[in-house]
Amino acid sequence: MSYDFDLLVIGAGSGGVRASRMAAAKGAKVAVIENRYLGGTCVNVGCVPKKLFVYASEYAEKIEEAKGFGVHGQLNEFDWPTLRDNKTREIERLNGIYNNLLENSGATILHGTGSIIDAHTVDVDGKTYTAERILIATGGWPYKPDIPGIEHAITSNEAFYLEAFPKRVVVVGGGYIAVEFAGIFNGLGADTTLVYRGEQILRGFDDDVREFAVEQVAAKGVKIQTQCDIDRIEKLSDGTLMCHMQSGGRIACDSVMYATGRRPMTDGLNLEKLGVEMREDGTIVVDDFFRTRVPSIFALGDVIGTPALTPVALAQGMKLVAQQFDGDTSAMNYDNIATAVFCQPNIATVGLTEAEAVARCSDDITVYQSSFRPMKHTLSGLPERSLMKLVVQTSSDKVLGAHMVGPDAGEIMQGLAVAIKMGATKADFDQTIGIHPTAAEEFVTMRTPRG
């Protein structure tokens, strides 16, 4: 049978664009459908604009740091429209780059909303297209709970485009998005409260990292309230948002931002009707070749429930193309994926947490840990501290996990991720000569196991 396309991709986010470009480069006839913006969450309302906001949020503290070095200045004002609009222009530039990348690869861009009609047919705003393979790469969307007054709350999507910068903010959630935005708002001058219903924020990270990060984030001014949640949001006549807490307390603010999870964007795809299996949380079930229960329909990225990270979606896109067009028969490897949280100070991690290592290796674990004041703060006078931690399997000497809280943690952890992915041992770390004076050298100079 003759099809319009060899590969028809629904969603022009990181994974969809990478798969489209790579398949087109292999000579496949490819089309990608997008109804919003090219680049997906990461480029438009995720990693990229968030990191730009993080940079902005750090300047006020840098002015304070400078005083101890004899450099005196003051923060005269923060102009939110300048940051917001400069960010938007950069995003628009990146949208253009993604458009050019797709077009130059030979892929066809179909602007509209895709709906799968059958195993080989997709409707795009009333026009149908056929394809040998259909790839779902629609990503996720922020979730807000159904409580009274929730229409007054925003998500991270809207935070990038606020008309005015709020003086008082309540961020709801305990994951990395909530913690990052709490740091952004706080650093830019807002009175910031982070509310989380659980016992401790940053669930899933190493426990020592969580406790240390909470101390550091709170020391910078973020008010963290755990084991509490908002019962309803009331908008007062003066525009103030009053958060009525389940505990009976109240918090007045100008903006409430929910970062309480994301849901897969599968609305309108007709997946149930087609027989595509989905989990309770709405993620799509796929095999090692990203194939759903319908053999010609594939899925990748945040929509399949693997780690919701841009580099994971990019790797999946390349793996899918290798499997479909190059004869690759291997599965995607999700071990030792490095990640970072761009709060203040940064968090970065790769490999197993201590709890995960203990669960896997029982008492065959040795932990090396160091906490110290970064060199620059010996003059700045700021109280910020850093934490570094290595989790090692005692019998094999293999490094199972590395964790850090401190400046440039993400930049430092990328190199360690290569070593750990290659199976480095603690002896390999010990035999590596450090770069002095840096914080990073602590990872190769820790010799004494934690007591």
Foldseek 3Di string as FASTA:
>chain_A
DDFPWAEEEEAQALLRLLLLLVLLLLVTAYEYEEADFHHPCCLQLHVVLLVLLLVVLCVQVVQLLCVLVVDHDHDPADDVVVSLVVSVVVSVVVSVVSVCSNVVSVYHYHHAHWAADALFWIDGPHDIGGHQAYEYEHAWAADDDDAAACVQAAASNCVSPDPDQWQEEEEEAQALVSQSVQQSSVSNHHQAEYEYQAPFGHPPAFPVCRVLVVVQLVLSRYHYHYNKDFRYWDQDPVQWIWTQIPVRDIDIINHYYYRHDIAAPCPNHCCVVRPFDADPRQATDADQLQATPSRRYGYDANSNPDPNDSVRSSVSSVSNSCVPSVVDPDGDDPAFDKDWRVHVQIKIKTFDHQVRCCVVQPPQKWKFKDKAQDPSCVSSVDPDIKIWMWIARNVVQWTGMIIMGGHPNVVLVVVVSVCNVVGHGLVNLCPDQADPPDPSNCSSPGDDTDD
